[in-house]
Amino acid sequence: MKKPRRISKCAAVTLAALVATGCAQQRFSGAEATGATLGTAAGGLIGWQLGGGLGQTLFTAGGALLGGTAGYMVGRRFAPSDRAMYNQVLAEALASSDDGETRHWLNPETGRNGTIRPIRSFHRGDEMQLCRDYRSAVNFESDVATGTGTACRSPDGQWNPIAAAFG
């Protein structure tokens, strides 16, 4: 009897994401695409850590779908100047704020504002790369989007997000 081939979890999530984006009837802006991509990655990563076997696969797919949707919605409302201000304050907070210290930002062009707070610093990998978990909030006209993320410092001193999600 022939043994059935198993598809890897990563390939299954990637295939599901491609199918979902293939059904879209409109073009995404850069902010929407970035939000959806980061949200999908973060949601999938969180889901992957839950359960085992088929349950883990379902949690991964569900987390990717929910994270991608939330990321898209935040990206849709973020003006390019909001994104620039957020990224600037995020880099400053990660580079020089203590864990638990909150940084505030305000974009005078749009009136949007928010906070970023590093919550945990740690080292990962054999090279002991410095990473930080953080929480953020963005105030929109009618609601507040909150999120979590992780960023690691590269050898050149830049902070690179490796996971981020708004919900």
Protein backbone atom coordinates (compact mmCIF):
# COMPACT_ATOMS: atom_id res chain seq x y z
CA MET A 1 0.00 0.00 0.00
CA LYS A 2 1.30 3.42 -0.95
CA LYS A 3 1.94 5.82 1.93
CA PRO A 4 0.13 9.19 1.48
CA ARG A 5 2.37 12.24 1.06
CA ARG A 6 2.08 14.91 3.72
CA ILE A 7 2.31 18.56 2.86
CA SER A 8 4.31 20.67 5.27
CA LYS A 9 2.45 23.09 7.52
CA CYS A 10 4.40 26.01 6.10
CA ALA A 11 3.46 25.04 2.55
CA ALA A 12 -0.20 24.66 3.55
CA VAL A 13 -0.34 28.13 5.13
CA THR A 14 1.48 29.66 2.15
CA LEU A 15 -0.93 27.98 -0.26
CA ALA A 16 -3.94 29.20 1.75
CA ALA A 17 -2.59 32.76 1.72
CA LEU A 18 -2.01 32.65 -2.03
CA VAL A 19 -5.51 31.32 -2.65
CA ALA A 20 -7.02 34.02 -0.45
CA THR A 21 -5.11 36.83 -2.14
CA GLY A 22 -5.92 35.42 -5.55
CA CYS A 23 -9.61 35.97 -4.82
CA ALA A 24 -9.16 39.68 -4.11
CA GLN A 25 -11.00 41.99 -6.50
CA GLN A 26 -8.99 45.13 -5.73
CA ARG A 27 -5.39 46.21 -5.55
CA PHE A 28 -3.80 46.67 -2.13
CA SER A 29 -1.91 49.80 -1.18
CA GLY A 30 1.59 49.35 0.20
CA ALA A 31 0.32 49.91 3.75
CA GLU A 32 -2.51 47.40 3.32
CA ALA A 33 -0.17 44.78 1.86
CA THR A 34 2.41 45.33 4.59
CA GLY A 35 -0.23 45.13 7.30
CA ALA A 36 -1.74 41.97 5.83
CA THR A 37 1.67 40.33 5.39
CA LEU A 38 2.91 41.11 8.90
CA GLY A 39 -0.46 40.19 10.40
CA THR A 40 -0.55 36.88 8.53
CA ALA A 41 2.98 36.00 9.65
CA ALA A 42 2.35 36.94 13.27
CA GLY A 43 -1.05 35.23 13.41
CA GLY A 44 0.34 32.08 11.82
CA LEU A 45 3.28 32.05 14.24
CA ILE A 46 0.98 32.43 17.23
CA GLY A 47 -1.40 29.76 15.92
CA TRP A 48 1.48 27.37 15.22
CA GLN A 49 2.42 27.42 18.91
CA LEU A 50 -1.00 26.03 19.86
CA GLY A 51 -2.04 22.41 19.71
CA GLY A 52 -0.43 19.57 17.83
CA GLY A 53 -1.04 17.58 14.68
CA LEU A 54 -4.17 18.61 12.80
CA GLY A 55 -5.13 21.05 15.58
CA GLN A 56 -1.82 22.85 15.17
CA THR A 57 -2.37 23.14 11.42
CA LEU A 58 -5.88 24.52 11.94
CA PHE A 59 -4.71 27.00 14.59
CA THR A 60 -1.89 28.11 12.26
CA ALA A 61 -4.26 28.67 9.34
CA GLY A 62 -6.86 30.39 11.54
CA GLY A 63 -4.24 32.59 13.18
CA ALA A 64 -2.82 33.56 9.79
CA LEU A 65 -6.28 34.45 8.49
CA LEU A 66 -7.24 36.52 11.55
CA GLY A 67 -3.83 38.19 11.75
CA GLY A 68 -3.85 39.03 8.05
CA THR A 69 -7.32 40.53 8.27
CA ALA A 70 -6.44 42.64 11.31
CA GLY A 71 -3.17 43.77 9.73
CA TYR A 72 -4.93 44.72 6.51
CA MET A 73 -7.51 46.81 8.37
CA VAL A 74 -4.84 48.71 10.30
CA GLY A 75 -2.76 49.22 7.15
CA ARG A 76 -5.82 50.49 5.33
CA ARG A 77 -6.28 53.32 7.83
CA PHE A 78 -2.59 54.19 8.20
CA ALA A 79 -1.49 57.10 6.00
CA PRO A 80 2.12 56.92 4.77
CA SER A 81 3.03 59.75 7.15
CA ASP A 82 1.44 57.79 10.04
CA ARG A 83 3.52 54.74 9.13
CA ALA A 84 6.70 56.84 8.97
CA MET A 85 6.01 58.43 12.36
CA TYR A 86 5.14 55.05 13.93
CA ASN A 87 8.30 53.41 12.54
CA GLN A 88 10.51 56.28 13.70
CA VAL A 89 9.17 56.18 17.26
CA LEU A 90 9.28 52.36 17.28
CA ALA A 91 12.98 52.41 16.34
CA GLU A 92 13.70 55.05 19.00
CA ALA A 93 11.78 53.14 21.68
CA LEU A 94 13.51 49.85 20.89
CA ALA A 95 16.94 51.49 20.82
CA SER A 96 16.75 53.58 23.97
CA SER A 97 13.68 52.94 26.15
CA ASP A 98 13.70 50.72 29.21
CA ASP A 99 11.28 47.80 29.39
CA GLY A 100 7.94 49.21 30.51
CA GLU A 101 8.71 52.78 29.36
CA THR A 102 6.03 54.21 27.06
CA ARG A 103 6.81 56.43 24.07
CA HIS A 104 4.07 58.60 22.57
CA TRP A 105 3.76 59.87 19.00
CA LEU A 106 1.47 62.31 17.22
CA ASN A 107 1.19 62.93 13.49
CA PRO A 108 0.18 66.59 13.06
CA GLU A 109 -0.83 65.92 9.42
CA THR A 110 -3.55 63.38 10.24
CA GLY A 111 -4.12 63.87 13.96
CA ARG A 112 -3.49 60.17 14.57
CA ASN A 113 -1.42 59.27 17.58
CA GLY A 114 -0.33 56.30 19.57
CA THR A 115 2.02 54.68 22.03
CA ILE A 116 4.81 52.13 21.87
CA ARG A 117 6.13 50.33 24.94
CA PRO A 118 8.96 47.78 24.96
CA ILE A 119 7.94 45.08 27.43
CA ARG A 120 10.73 42.49 27.37
CA SER A 121 14.33 42.32 26.18
CA PHE A 122 16.01 38.99 25.44
CA HIS A 123 18.75 37.36 23.36
CA ARG A 124 18.10 34.66 20.77
CA GLY A 125 20.12 32.24 18.73
CA ASP A 126 23.73 31.17 18.96
CA GLU A 127 24.87 34.69 18.11
CA MET A 128 22.82 36.05 21.05
CA GLN A 129 20.99 38.62 18.92
CA LEU A 130 19.25 41.28 21.04
CA CYS A 131 15.47 41.20 20.58
CA ARG A 132 12.60 43.04 22.24
CA ASP A 133 8.90 42.38 22.57
CA TYR A 134 6.71 45.48 22.48
CA ARG A 135 3.11 46.62 22.71
CA SER A 136 1.64 49.42 20.67
CA ALA A 137 -1.62 51.28 20.28
CA VAL A 138 -2.82 53.55 17.49
CA ASN A 139 -5.73 55.94 18.00
CA PHE A 140 -7.96 56.23 14.95
CA GLU A 141 -11.01 58.46 14.59
CA SER A 142 -13.47 55.91 15.94
CA ASP A 143 -11.41 53.31 17.77
CA VAL A 144 -8.03 52.19 19.06
CA ALA A 145 -6.02 49.39 17.46
CA THR A 146 -3.68 47.59 19.84
CA GLY A 147 -0.92 45.24 18.88
CA THR A 148 2.12 43.30 19.92
CA GLY A 149 5.36 42.66 18.15
CA THR A 150 8.92 41.44 18.36
CA ALA A 151 11.93 43.10 16.75
CA CYS A 152 15.59 42.12 16.71
CA ARG A 153 18.64 44.32 16.27
CA SER A 154 20.79 43.57 13.24
CA PRO A 155 24.60 43.87 13.31
CA ASP A 156 24.34 47.36 11.76
CA GLY A 157 22.19 48.53 14.70
CA GLN A 158 18.86 48.64 12.85
CA TRP A 159 15.79 47.13 14.52
CA ASN A 160 13.89 44.71 12.28
CA PRO A 161 10.38 43.53 13.19
CA ILE A 162 10.15 39.74 13.02
CA ALA A 163 6.52 39.51 14.17
CA ALA A 164 3.83 42.13 14.55
CA ALA A 165 0.06 41.96 14.86
CA PHE A 166 -2.76 44.36 15.52
CA GLY A 167 -6.12 43.12 16.71
